[in-house]
Amino acid sequence: HAERAVAAALAMDEAGQRFSAGLRAHGIEWGHTRIGVHTGMAL
């Protein structure tokens, strides 16, 4: 699960950066995607 979470975070970051770059190419400023990954027990 931890490996999957980090892989998903990296893929999400890459997609977010591509999306933002595409918008910037059209003169649209966009914020940043920020991702936090933590492991533990939950209900």
All heavy atoms as atom14 arrays in JSON, in Angstrom:
{
  "sequence": "HAERAVAAALAMDEAGQRFSAGLRAHGIEWGHTRIGVHTGMAL",
  "atom14_mask": [
    [1, 1, 1, 1, 1, 1, 1, 1, 1, 1, 0, 0, 0, 0],
    [1, 1, 1, 1, 1, 0, 0, 0, 0, 0, 0, 0, 0, 0],
    [1, 1, 1, 1, 1, 1, 1, 1, 1, 0, 0, 0, 0, 0],
    [1, 1, 1, 1, 1, 1, 1, 1, 1, 1, 1, 0, 0, 0],
    [1, 1, 1, 1, 1, 0, 0, 0, 0, 0, 0, 0, 0, 0],
    [1, 1, 1, 1, 1, 1, 1, 0, 0, 0, 0, 0, 0, 0],
    [1, 1, 1, 1, 1, 0, 0, 0, 0, 0, 0, 0, 0, 0],
    [1, 1, 1, 1, 1, 0, 0, 0, 0, 0, 0, 0, 0, 0],
    [1, 1, 1, 1, 1, 0, 0, 0, 0, 0, 0, 0, 0, 0],
    [1, 1, 1, 1, 1, 1, 1, 1, 0, 0, 0, 0, 0, 0],
    [1, 1, 1, 1, 1, 0, 0, 0, 0, 0, 0, 0, 0, 0],
    [1, 1, 1, 1, 1, 1, 1, 1, 0, 0, 0, 0, 0, 0],
    [1, 1, 1, 1, 1, 1, 1, 1, 0, 0, 0, 0, 0, 0],
    [1, 1, 1, 1, 1, 1, 1, 1, 1, 0, 0, 0, 0, 0],
    [1, 1, 1, 1, 1, 0, 0, 0, 0, 0, 0, 0, 0, 0],
    [1, 1, 1, 1, 0, 0, 0, 0, 0, 0, 0, 0, 0, 0],
    [1, 1, 1, 1, 1, 1, 1, 1, 1, 0, 0, 0, 0, 0],
    [1, 1, 1, 1, 1, 1, 1, 1, 1, 1, 1, 0, 0, 0],
    [1, 1, 1, 1, 1, 1, 1, 1, 1, 1, 1, 0, 0, 0],
    [1, 1, 1, 1, 1, 1, 0, 0, 0, 0, 0, 0, 0, 0],
    [1, 1, 1, 1, 1, 0, 0, 0, 0, 0, 0, 0, 0, 0],
    [1, 1, 1, 1, 0, 0, 0, 0, 0, 0, 0, 0, 0, 0],
    [1, 1, 1, 1, 1, 1, 1, 1, 0, 0, 0, 0, 0, 0],
    [1, 1, 1, 1, 1, 1, 1, 1, 1, 1, 1, 0, 0, 0],
    [1, 1, 1, 1, 1, 0, 0, 0, 0, 0, 0, 0, 0, 0],
    [1, 1, 1, 1, 1, 1, 1, 1, 1, 1, 0, 0, 0, 0],
    [1, 1, 1, 1, 0, 0, 0, 0, 0, 0, 0, 0, 0, 0],
    [1, 1, 1, 1, 1, 1, 1, 1, 0, 0, 0, 0, 0, 0],
    [1, 1, 1, 1, 1, 1, 1, 1, 1, 0, 0, 0, 0, 0],
    [1, 1, 1, 1, 1, 1, 1, 1, 1, 1, 1, 1, 1, 1],
    [1, 1, 1, 1, 0, 0, 0, 0, 0, 0, 0, 0, 0, 0],
    [1, 1, 1, 1, 1, 1, 1, 1, 1, 1, 0, 0, 0, 0],
    [1, 1, 1, 1, 1, 1, 1, 0, 0, 0, 0, 0, 0, 0],
    [1, 1, 1, 1, 1, 1, 1, 1, 1, 1, 1, 0, 0, 0],
    [1, 1, 1, 1, 1, 1, 1, 1, 0, 0, 0, 0, 0, 0],
    [1, 1, 1, 1, 0, 0, 0, 0, 0, 0, 0, 0, 0, 0],
    [1, 1, 1, 1, 1, 1, 1, 0, 0, 0, 0, 0, 0, 0],
    [1, 1, 1, 1, 1, 1, 1, 1, 1, 1, 0, 0, 0, 0],
    [1, 1, 1, 1, 1, 1, 1, 0, 0, 0, 0, 0, 0, 0],
    [1, 1, 1, 1, 0, 0, 0, 0, 0, 0, 0, 0, 0, 0],
    [1, 1, 1, 1, 1, 1, 1, 1, 0, 0, 0, 0, 0, 0],
    [1, 1, 1, 1, 1, 0, 0, 0, 0, 0, 0, 0, 0, 0],
    [1, 1, 1, 1, 1, 1, 1, 1, 0, 0, 0, 0, 0, 0]
  ],
  "atom14_positions": [
    [[0.81, -1.22, 0.0], [0.0, 0.0, 0.0], [0.84, 1.27, 0.0], [0.5, 2.25, -0.67], [-0.99, 0.02, 1.16], [-0.35, -0.05, 2.51], [0.11, 1.06, 3.17], [-0.07, -1.11, 3.29], [0.64, 0.69, 4.32], [0.54, -0.63, 4.42], [0.0, 0.0, 0.0], [0.0, 0.0, 0.0], [0.0, 0.0, 0.0], [0.0, 0.0, 0.0]],
    [[1.95, 1.27, 0.7], [2.8, 2.48, 0.75], [3.42, 2.74, -0.62], [3.45, 3.9, -1.08], [3.89, 2.32, 1.81], [0.0, 0.0, 0.0], [0.0, 0.0, 0.0], [0.0, 0.0, 0.0], [0.0, 0.0, 0.0], [0.0, 0.0, 0.0], [0.0, 0.0, 0.0], [0.0, 0.0, 0.0], [0.0, 0.0, 0.0], [0.0, 0.0, 0.0]],
    [[3.89, 1.7, -1.28], [4.45, 1.85, -2.63], [3.4, 2.39, -3.59], [3.67, 3.29, -4.39], [4.95, 0.5, -3.17], [6.08, -0.11, -2.4], [7.44, 0.51, -2.68], [7.53, 1.5, -3.43], [8.42, -0.01, -2.15], [0.0, 0.0, 0.0], [0.0, 0.0, 0.0], [0.0, 0.0, 0.0], [0.0, 0.0, 0.0], [0.0, 0.0, 0.0]],
    [[2.18, 1.85, -3.5], [1.1, 2.29, -4.38], [0.77, 3.76, -4.12], [0.51, 4.51, -5.06], [-0.15, 1.44, -4.15], [-0.03, 0.03, -4.64], [-1.26, -0.78, -4.19], [-1.15, -2.17, -4.55], [-1.94, -2.78, -5.44], [-2.87, -2.1, -6.08], [-1.79, -4.05, -5.69], [0.0, 0.0, 0.0], [0.0, 0.0, 0.0], [0.0, 0.0, 0.0]],
    [[0.77, 4.15, -2.86], [0.43, 5.54, -2.51], [1.48, 6.5, -3.06], [1.13, 7.55, -3.62], [0.31, 5.68, -1.0], [0.0, 0.0, 0.0], [0.0, 0.0, 0.0], [0.0, 0.0, 0.0], [0.0, 0.0, 0.0], [0.0, 0.0, 0.0], [0.0, 0.0, 0.0], [0.0, 0.0, 0.0], [0.0, 0.0, 0.0], [0.0, 0.0, 0.0]],
    [[2.74, 6.16, -2.93], [3.8, 7.04, -3.44], [3.76, 7.08, -4.97], [3.88, 8.15, -5.57], [5.2, 6.6, -2.92], [6.31, 7.38, -3.61], [5.26, 6.79, -1.41], [0.0, 0.0, 0.0], [0.0, 0.0, 0.0], [0.0, 0.0, 0.0], [0.0, 0.0, 0.0], [0.0, 0.0, 0.0], [0.0, 0.0, 0.0], [0.0, 0.0, 0.0]],
    [[3.55, 5.93, -5.6], [3.46, 5.91, -7.07], [2.28, 6.77, -7.54], [2.41, 7.52, -8.51], [3.32, 4.47, -7.57], [0.0, 0.0, 0.0], [0.0, 0.0, 0.0], [0.0, 0.0, 0.0], [0.0, 0.0, 0.0], [0.0, 0.0, 0.0], [0.0, 0.0, 0.0], [0.0, 0.0, 0.0], [0.0, 0.0, 0.0], [0.0, 0.0, 0.0]],
    [[1.16, 6.67, -6.85], [-0.01, 7.49, -7.21], [0.29, 8.97, -7.0], [-0.08, 9.81, -7.83], [-1.22, 7.07, -6.39], [0.0, 0.0, 0.0], [0.0, 0.0, 0.0], [0.0, 0.0, 0.0], [0.0, 0.0, 0.0], [0.0, 0.0, 0.0], [0.0, 0.0, 0.0], [0.0, 0.0, 0.0], [0.0, 0.0, 0.0], [0.0, 0.0, 0.0]],
    [[0.96, 9.31, -5.91], [1.3, 10.71, -5.63], [2.19, 11.28, -6.73], [1.98, 12.4, -7.2], [1.98, 10.83, -4.27], [0.0, 0.0, 0.0], [0.0, 0.0, 0.0], [0.0, 0.0, 0.0], [0.0, 0.0, 0.0], [0.0, 0.0, 0.0], [0.0, 0.0, 0.0], [0.0, 0.0, 0.0], [0.0, 0.0, 0.0], [0.0, 0.0, 0.0]],
    [[3.19, 10.51, -7.14], [4.1, 10.97, -8.19], [3.37, 11.12, -9.53], [3.59, 12.08, -10.26], [5.29, 10.03, -8.31], [6.21, 10.0, -7.08], [7.26, 8.9, -7.22], [6.85, 11.35, -6.85], [0.0, 0.0, 0.0], [0.0, 0.0, 0.0], [0.0, 0.0, 0.0], [0.0, 0.0, 0.0], [0.0, 0.0, 0.0], [0.0, 0.0, 0.0]],
    [[2.47, 10.17, -9.83], [1.7, 10.27, -11.08], [0.75, 11.46, -11.03], [0.59, 12.18, -12.03], [0.92, 8.97, -11.31], [0.0, 0.0, 0.0], [0.0, 0.0, 0.0], [0.0, 0.0, 0.0], [0.0, 0.0, 0.0], [0.0, 0.0, 0.0], [0.0, 0.0, 0.0], [0.0, 0.0, 0.0], [0.0, 0.0, 0.0], [0.0, 0.0, 0.0]],
    [[0.13, 11.7, -9.88], [-0.76, 12.85, -9.74], [0.02, 14.15, -9.89], [-0.45, 15.1, -10.53], [-1.46, 12.81, -8.38], [-2.5, 11.73, -8.27], [-3.1, 11.47, -6.57], [-3.75, 13.05, -6.15], [0.0, 0.0, 0.0], [0.0, 0.0, 0.0], [0.0, 0.0, 0.0], [0.0, 0.0, 0.0], [0.0, 0.0, 0.0], [0.0, 0.0, 0.0]],
    [[1.21, 14.21, -9.31], [2.04, 15.41, -9.42], [2.42, 15.66, -10.87], [2.34, 16.79, -11.36], [3.28, 15.28, -8.54], [4.17, 16.5, -8.64], [3.66, 17.63, -8.51], [5.39, 16.34, -8.85], [0.0, 0.0, 0.0], [0.0, 0.0, 0.0], [0.0, 0.0, 0.0], [0.0, 0.0, 0.0], [0.0, 0.0, 0.0], [0.0, 0.0, 0.0]],
    [[2.84, 14.61, -11.55], [3.22, 14.76, -12.95], [2.04, 15.25, -13.79], [2.17, 16.16, -14.6], [3.73, 13.42, -13.49], [4.22, 13.49, -14.92], [4.71, 12.14, -15.42], [5.37, 11.42, -14.66], [4.41, 11.82, -16.58], [0.0, 0.0, 0.0], [0.0, 0.0, 0.0], [0.0, 0.0, 0.0], [0.0, 0.0, 0.0], [0.0, 0.0, 0.0]],
    [[0.86, 14.67, -13.57], [-0.33, 15.1, -14.31], [-0.69, 16.55, -13.97], [-1.05, 17.33, -14.86], [-1.5, 14.17, -13.99], [0.0, 0.0, 0.0], [0.0, 0.0, 0.0], [0.0, 0.0, 0.0], [0.0, 0.0, 0.0], [0.0, 0.0, 0.0], [0.0, 0.0, 0.0], [0.0, 0.0, 0.0], [0.0, 0.0, 0.0], [0.0, 0.0, 0.0]],
    [[-0.58, 16.91, -12.71], [-0.87, 18.28, -12.29], [0.08, 19.28, -12.92], [-0.34, 20.37, -13.35], [0.0, 0.0, 0.0], [0.0, 0.0, 0.0], [0.0, 0.0, 0.0], [0.0, 0.0, 0.0], [0.0, 0.0, 0.0], [0.0, 0.0, 0.0], [0.0, 0.0, 0.0], [0.0, 0.0, 0.0], [0.0, 0.0, 0.0], [0.0, 0.0, 0.0]],
    [[1.35, 18.93, -12.99], [2.32, 19.84, -13.61], [2.08, 19.97, -15.12], [2.2, 21.07, -15.67], [3.74, 19.37, -13.31], [4.1, 19.59, -11.85], [5.57, 19.36, -11.57], [6.41, 19.84, -12.31], [5.88, 18.63, -10.51], [0.0, 0.0, 0.0], [0.0, 0.0, 0.0], [0.0, 0.0, 0.0], [0.0, 0.0, 0.0], [0.0, 0.0, 0.0]],
    [[1.73, 18.87, -15.77], [1.42, 18.94, -17.21], [0.18, 19.81, -17.44], [0.15, 20.62, -18.36], [1.17, 17.54, -17.78], [2.41, 16.8, -18.18], [2.12, 15.58, -19.07], [0.93, 14.84, -18.72], [0.89, 13.8, -17.89], [2.01, 13.37, -17.31], [-0.23, 13.17, -17.64], [0.0, 0.0, 0.0], [0.0, 0.0, 0.0], [0.0, 0.0, 0.0]],
    [[-0.83, 19.63, -16.59], [-2.06, 20.41, -16.71], [-1.76, 21.9, -16.54], [-2.21, 22.72, -17.34], [-3.07, 19.93, -15.65], [-4.37, 20.68, -15.67], [-5.32, 20.44, -16.65], [-4.63, 21.63, -14.7], [-6.52, 21.14, -16.65], [-5.83, 22.33, -14.69], [-6.78, 22.08, -15.68], [0.0, 0.0, 0.0], [0.0, 0.0, 0.0], [0.0, 0.0, 0.0]],
    [[-1.01, 22.24, -15.5], [-0.65, 23.64, -15.25], [0.15, 24.22, -16.4], [-0.08, 25.36, -16.81], [0.15, 23.77, -13.95], [-0.65, 23.44, -12.85], [0.0, 0.0, 0.0], [0.0, 0.0, 0.0], [0.0, 0.0, 0.0], [0.0, 0.0, 0.0], [0.0, 0.0, 0.0], [0.0, 0.0, 0.0], [0.0, 0.0, 0.0], [0.0, 0.0, 0.0]],
    [[1.09, 23.46, -16.94], [1.91, 23.93, -18.06], [1.04, 24.19, -19.29], [1.23, 25.18, -20.01], [3.01, 22.92, -18.39], [0.0, 0.0, 0.0], [0.0, 0.0, 0.0], [0.0, 0.0, 0.0], [0.0, 0.0, 0.0], [0.0, 0.0, 0.0], [0.0, 0.0, 0.0], [0.0, 0.0, 0.0], [0.0, 0.0, 0.0], [0.0, 0.0, 0.0]],
    [[0.07, 23.31, -19.52], [-0.85, 23.5, -20.65], [-1.66, 24.77, -20.51], [-1.87, 25.5, -21.48], [0.0, 0.0, 0.0], [0.0, 0.0, 0.0], [0.0, 0.0, 0.0], [0.0, 0.0, 0.0], [0.0, 0.0, 0.0], [0.0, 0.0, 0.0], [0.0, 0.0, 0.0], [0.0, 0.0, 0.0], [0.0, 0.0, 0.0], [0.0, 0.0, 0.0]],
    [[-2.12, 25.05, -19.3], [-2.87, 26.28, -19.07], [-1.98, 27.51, -19.22], [-2.39, 28.51, -19.82], [-3.52, 26.26, -17.69], [-4.68, 25.28, -17.51], [-5.15, 25.29, -16.06], [-5.83, 25.62, -18.43], [0.0, 0.0, 0.0], [0.0, 0.0, 0.0], [0.0, 0.0, 0.0], [0.0, 0.0, 0.0], [0.0, 0.0, 0.0], [0.0, 0.0, 0.0]],
    [[-0.76, 27.43, -18.67], [0.17, 28.57, -18.79], [0.48, 28.87, -20.26], [0.64, 30.02, -20.63], [1.47, 28.29, -18.02], [1.39, 28.65, -16.55], [2.77, 28.67, -15.9], [3.51, 27.43, -16.08], [3.36, 26.33, -15.35], [2.49, 26.31, -14.37], [4.09, 25.26, -15.59], [0.0, 0.0, 0.0], [0.0, 0.0, 0.0], [0.0, 0.0, 0.0]],
    [[0.53, 27.84, -21.08], [0.8, 28.03, -22.51], [-0.31, 28.85, -23.17], [-0.09, 29.47, -24.21], [0.94, 26.68, -23.21], [0.0, 0.0, 0.0], [0.0, 0.0, 0.0], [0.0, 0.0, 0.0], [0.0, 0.0, 0.0], [0.0, 0.0, 0.0], [0.0, 0.0, 0.0], [0.0, 0.0, 0.0], [0.0, 0.0, 0.0], [0.0, 0.0, 0.0]],
    [[-1.49, 28.85, -22.55], [-2.62, 29.63, -23.06], [-2.82, 30.91, -22.25], [-3.88, 31.54, -22.32], [-3.89, 28.79, -23.04], [-3.89, 27.69, -24.05], [-3.41, 26.42, -23.76], [-4.24, 27.68, -25.36], [-3.51, 25.69, -24.84], [-4.01, 26.42, -25.82], [0.0, 0.0, 0.0], [0.0, 0.0, 0.0], [0.0, 0.0, 0.0], [0.0, 0.0, 0.0]],
    [[-1.83, 31.28, -21.44], [-1.9, 32.51, -20.67], [-2.75, 32.43, -19.42], [-3.13, 33.46, -18.85], [0.0, 0.0, 0.0], [0.0, 0.0, 0.0], [0.0, 0.0, 0.0], [0.0, 0.0, 0.0], [0.0, 0.0, 0.0], [0.0, 0.0, 0.0], [0.0, 0.0, 0.0], [0.0, 0.0, 0.0], [0.0, 0.0, 0.0], [0.0, 0.0, 0.0]],
    [[-3.05, 31.23, -18.97], [-3.88, 31.05, -17.77], [-2.98, 30.59, -16.62], [-2.34, 29.55, -16.71], [-4.99, 30.01, -18.01], [-5.87, 30.45, -19.18], [-5.81, 29.8, -16.74], [-6.83, 29.38, -19.66], [0.0, 0.0, 0.0], [0.0, 0.0, 0.0], [0.0, 0.0, 0.0], [0.0, 0.0, 0.0], [0.0, 0.0, 0.0], [0.0, 0.0, 0.0]],
    [[-2.94, 31.38, -15.56], [-2.16, 30.99, -14.38], [-2.98, 30.02, -13.54], [-4.17, 30.2, -13.35], [-1.77, 32.21, -13.56], [-0.61, 32.98, -14.16], [0.64, 32.14, -14.37], [1.04, 31.39, -13.45], [1.21, 32.22, -15.46], [0.0, 0.0, 0.0], [0.0, 0.0, 0.0], [0.0, 0.0, 0.0], [0.0, 0.0, 0.0], [0.0, 0.0, 0.0]],
    [[-2.32, 29.02, -13.02], [-2.97, 27.98, -12.23], [-2.11, 27.71, -11.02], [-0.9, 27.84, -11.07], [-3.12, 26.71, -13.08], [-3.98, 25.66, -12.47], [-3.56, 24.56, -11.8], [-5.41, 25.61, -12.47], [-4.63, 23.82, -11.38], [-5.78, 24.46, -11.79], [-6.4, 26.44, -12.98], [-7.11, 24.09, -11.59], [-7.72, 26.07, -12.79], [-8.06, 24.91, -12.11]],
    [[-2.72, 27.31, -9.94], [-1.99, 27.02, -8.71], [-1.2, 25.72, -8.8], [-1.01, 25.15, -9.88], [0.0, 0.0, 0.0], [0.0, 0.0, 0.0], [0.0, 0.0, 0.0], [0.0, 0.0, 0.0], [0.0, 0.0, 0.0], [0.0, 0.0, 0.0], [0.0, 0.0, 0.0], [0.0, 0.0, 0.0], [0.0, 0.0, 0.0], [0.0, 0.0, 0.0]],
    [[-0.74, 25.28, -7.67], [0.06, 24.06, -7.58], [-0.76, 22.94, -6.98], [-1.59, 23.15, -6.11], [1.29, 24.27, -6.69], [2.21, 25.33, -7.19], [3.02, 25.14, -8.29], [2.44, 26.58, -6.77], [3.71, 26.24, -8.5], [3.38, 27.13, -7.59], [0.0, 0.0, 0.0], [0.0, 0.0, 0.0], [0.0, 0.0, 0.0], [0.0, 0.0, 0.0]],
    [[-0.48, 21.74, -7.44], [-1.04, 20.55, -6.81], [-0.06, 20.15, -5.7], [1.13, 20.05, -5.94], [-1.18, 19.41, -7.83], [-2.05, 19.84, -8.86], [-1.73, 18.16, -7.18], [0.0, 0.0, 0.0], [0.0, 0.0, 0.0], [0.0, 0.0, 0.0], [0.0, 0.0, 0.0], [0.0, 0.0, 0.0], [0.0, 0.0, 0.0], [0.0, 0.0, 0.0]],
    [[-0.58, 19.99, -4.5], [0.26, 19.59, -3.37], [-0.26, 18.27, -2.82], [-1.46, 18.13, -2.59], [0.27, 20.67, -2.3], [0.88, 21.96, -2.8], [0.96, 23.0, -1.67], [1.51, 24.23, -2.17], [0.78, 25.31, -2.46], [-0.51, 25.31, -2.26], [1.36, 26.39, -2.91], [0.0, 0.0, 0.0], [0.0, 0.0, 0.0], [0.0, 0.0, 0.0]],
    [[0.66, 17.35, -2.57], [0.27, 16.0, -2.17], [1.06, 15.6, -0.93], [2.28, 15.76, -0.88], [0.55, 15.0, -3.31], [-0.2, 15.45, -4.58], [0.15, 13.59, -2.91], [0.31, 14.82, -5.84], [0.0, 0.0, 0.0], [0.0, 0.0, 0.0], [0.0, 0.0, 0.0], [0.0, 0.0, 0.0], [0.0, 0.0, 0.0], [0.0, 0.0, 0.0]],
    [[0.35, 15.07, 0.06], [0.97, 14.54, 1.26], [0.65, 13.07, 1.39], [-0.5, 12.66, 1.18], [0.0, 0.0, 0.0], [0.0, 0.0, 0.0], [0.0, 0.0, 0.0], [0.0, 0.0, 0.0], [0.0, 0.0, 0.0], [0.0, 0.0, 0.0], [0.0, 0.0, 0.0], [0.0, 0.0, 0.0], [0.0, 0.0, 0.0], [0.0, 0.0, 0.0]],
    [[1.65, 12.27, 1.73], [1.45, 10.82, 1.86], [1.88, 10.41, 3.26], [3.0, 10.71, 3.7], [2.27, 10.04, 0.81], [1.95, 8.55, 0.9], [2.0, 10.56, -0.6], [0.0, 0.0, 0.0], [0.0, 0.0, 0.0], [0.0, 0.0, 0.0], [0.0, 0.0, 0.0], [0.0, 0.0, 0.0], [0.0, 0.0, 0.0], [0.0, 0.0, 0.0]],
    [[0.96, 9.72, 3.95], [1.25, 9.24, 5.3], [0.62, 7.86, 5.45], [-0.4, 7.56, 4.83], [0.67, 10.19, 6.34], [0.92, 9.77, 7.75], [2.18, 9.63, 8.28], [0.06, 9.44, 8.74], [2.08, 9.24, 9.54], [0.8, 9.12, 9.84], [0.0, 0.0, 0.0], [0.0, 0.0, 0.0], [0.0, 0.0, 0.0], [0.0, 0.0, 0.0]],
    [[1.22, 7.03, 6.27], [0.78, 5.66, 6.47], [0.44, 5.42, 7.93], [1.18, 5.87, 8.81], [1.9, 4.68, 6.04], [2.19, 4.91, 4.66], [1.49, 3.24, 6.24], [0.0, 0.0, 0.0], [0.0, 0.0, 0.0], [0.0, 0.0, 0.0], [0.0, 0.0, 0.0], [0.0, 0.0, 0.0], [0.0, 0.0, 0.0], [0.0, 0.0, 0.0]],
    [[-0.65, 4.71, 8.18], [-1.01, 4.36, 9.55], [-2.38, 3.73, 9.59], [-3.02, 3.5, 8.56], [0.0, 0.0, 0.0], [0.0, 0.0, 0.0], [0.0, 0.0, 0.0], [0.0, 0.0, 0.0], [0.0, 0.0, 0.0], [0.0, 0.0, 0.0], [0.0, 0.0, 0.0], [0.0, 0.0, 0.0], [0.0, 0.0, 0.0], [0.0, 0.0, 0.0]],
    [[-2.83, 3.47, 10.79], [-4.14, 2.86, 11.0], [-5.23, 3.92, 10.92], [-5.01, 5.07, 11.3], [-4.19, 2.18, 12.37], [-3.18, 1.07, 12.54], [-3.42, -0.31, 11.42], [-4.93, -0.98, 12.05], [0.0, 0.0, 0.0], [0.0, 0.0, 0.0], [0.0, 0.0, 0.0], [0.0, 0.0, 0.0], [0.0, 0.0, 0.0], [0.0, 0.0, 0.0]],
    [[-6.39, 3.51, 10.43], [-7.54, 4.41, 10.35], [-8.81, 3.58, 10.5], [-8.82, 2.38, 10.23], [-7.55, 5.16, 9.02], [0.0, 0.0, 0.0], [0.0, 0.0, 0.0], [0.0, 0.0, 0.0], [0.0, 0.0, 0.0], [0.0, 0.0, 0.0], [0.0, 0.0, 0.0], [0.0, 0.0, 0.0], [0.0, 0.0, 0.0], [0.0, 0.0, 0.0]],
    [[-9.86, 4.24, 10.92], [-11.18, 3.63, 10.97], [-11.76, 3.8, 9.56], [-11.95, 4.93, 9.1], [-12.06, 4.35, 12.0], [-13.51, 3.9, 12.07], [-13.59, 2.45, 12.51], [-14.28, 4.79, 13.02], [0.0, 0.0, 0.0], [0.0, 0.0, 0.0], [0.0, 0.0, 0.0], [0.0, 0.0, 0.0], [0.0, 0.0, 0.0], [0.0, 0.0, 0.0]]
  ]
}
